[in-house]
Amino acid sequence: MGTADEQIRVSDRVKRELERRKRRRESYNDVLERLLAENEPGDFYDGFGRWSDEDAATVREQRAKAKDDRKRRMRERAENGT
């Protein structure tokens, strides 16, 4: 983080609230940036298109296998009475 270009005035109440929300080694600017980012609505499509078709297919296959494995284990436990 660079040096401050401007100063802003805040009330004592706002300063206390910033101090309360401040994490270890965070500056007031860091706190404000984090809080402002938390309230920004994300774009619904932000996460789409990040994987190649091949990667997405691999993940789908792994999820389907994991689901089948869970079902198999549940059936085995039911049969063994555990």
Protein backbone atom coordinates (compact mmCIF):
# COMPACT_ATOMS: atom_id res chain seq x y z
CA MET A 1 0.00 0.00 0.00
CA GLY A 2 1.28 3.47 -0.86
CA THR A 3 1.11 6.63 1.16
CA ALA A 4 -2.18 8.39 1.70
CA ASP A 5 -3.17 10.86 -0.98
CA GLU A 6 -6.13 12.26 0.92
CA GLN A 7 -7.61 12.28 4.37
CA ILE A 8 -11.24 11.77 5.24
CA ARG A 9 -13.05 12.67 8.42
CA VAL A 10 -15.15 10.08 10.18
CA SER A 11 -17.15 10.28 13.37
CA ASP A 12 -15.93 8.64 16.55
CA ARG A 13 -18.65 6.02 16.14
CA VAL A 14 -17.48 5.15 12.61
CA LYS A 15 -13.85 4.98 13.74
CA ARG A 16 -14.79 2.63 16.60
CA GLU A 17 -16.71 0.42 14.16
CA LEU A 18 -13.73 0.32 11.77
CA GLU A 19 -11.44 -0.58 14.66
CA ARG A 20 -13.84 -3.34 15.70
CA ARG A 21 -13.84 -4.81 12.18
CA LYS A 22 -10.13 -4.33 11.61
CA ARG A 23 -8.13 -7.52 11.31
CA ARG A 24 -4.58 -8.03 12.45
CA ARG A 25 -2.13 -6.03 10.33
CA GLU A 26 -4.91 -4.34 8.33
CA SER A 27 -4.84 -0.63 7.71
CA TYR A 28 -8.03 1.41 7.82
CA ASN A 29 -7.87 1.54 4.03
CA ASP A 30 -7.66 -2.28 3.90
CA VAL A 31 -10.72 -2.54 6.14
CA LEU A 32 -12.70 -0.15 3.97
CA GLU A 33 -11.69 -1.91 0.75
CA ARG A 34 -12.67 -5.30 2.19
CA LEU A 35 -16.01 -4.04 3.47
CA LEU A 36 -16.82 -2.31 0.21
CA ALA A 37 -15.93 -5.43 -1.79
CA GLU A 38 -18.21 -7.58 0.40
CA ASN A 39 -21.20 -5.49 -0.58
CA GLU A 40 -20.52 -5.50 -4.33
CA PRO A 41 -22.90 -7.80 -6.12
CA GLY A 42 -21.04 -10.33 -8.25
CA ASP A 43 -21.87 -10.92 -11.87
CA PHE A 44 -23.77 -14.20 -12.26
CA TYR A 45 -21.56 -15.20 -15.19
CA ASP A 46 -18.22 -14.47 -13.46
CA GLY A 47 -17.44 -18.14 -12.87
CA PHE A 48 -18.60 -19.46 -16.24
CA GLY A 49 -16.13 -20.45 -18.93
CA ARG A 50 -13.14 -20.86 -16.65
CA TRP A 51 -12.69 -24.55 -17.33
CA SER A 52 -12.02 -26.14 -20.66
CA ASP A 53 -14.62 -28.61 -21.93
CA GLU A 54 -12.19 -31.41 -21.11
CA ASP A 55 -11.68 -30.20 -17.51
CA ALA A 56 -15.42 -29.79 -16.99
CA ALA A 57 -16.07 -33.31 -18.34
CA THR A 58 -13.41 -34.73 -15.99
CA VAL A 59 -15.01 -33.04 -12.99
CA ARG A 60 -18.48 -34.27 -14.00
CA GLU A 61 -17.15 -37.83 -14.30
CA GLN A 62 -15.42 -37.65 -10.92
CA ARG A 63 -18.57 -36.30 -9.26
CA ALA A 64 -20.69 -39.07 -10.80
CA LYS A 65 -18.17 -41.70 -9.62
CA ALA A 66 -18.11 -40.22 -6.11
CA LYS A 67 -21.92 -40.26 -6.01
CA ASP A 68 -22.00 -43.91 -7.11
CA ASP A 69 -19.36 -44.78 -4.50
CA ARG A 70 -21.40 -43.10 -1.75
CA LYS A 71 -24.53 -45.00 -2.79
CA ARG A 72 -22.59 -48.29 -2.83
CA ARG A 73 -21.17 -47.65 0.66
CA MET A 74 -24.63 -46.77 2.01
CA ARG A 75 -26.08 -50.00 0.55
CA GLU A 76 -23.24 -52.03 2.08
CA ARG A 77 -23.77 -50.43 5.48
CA ALA A 78 -27.50 -51.06 5.29
CA GLU A 79 -26.87 -54.71 4.44
CA ASN A 80 -24.37 -55.08 7.29
CA GLY A 81 -26.63 -53.30 9.75
CA THR A 82 -24.08 -50.61 10.64
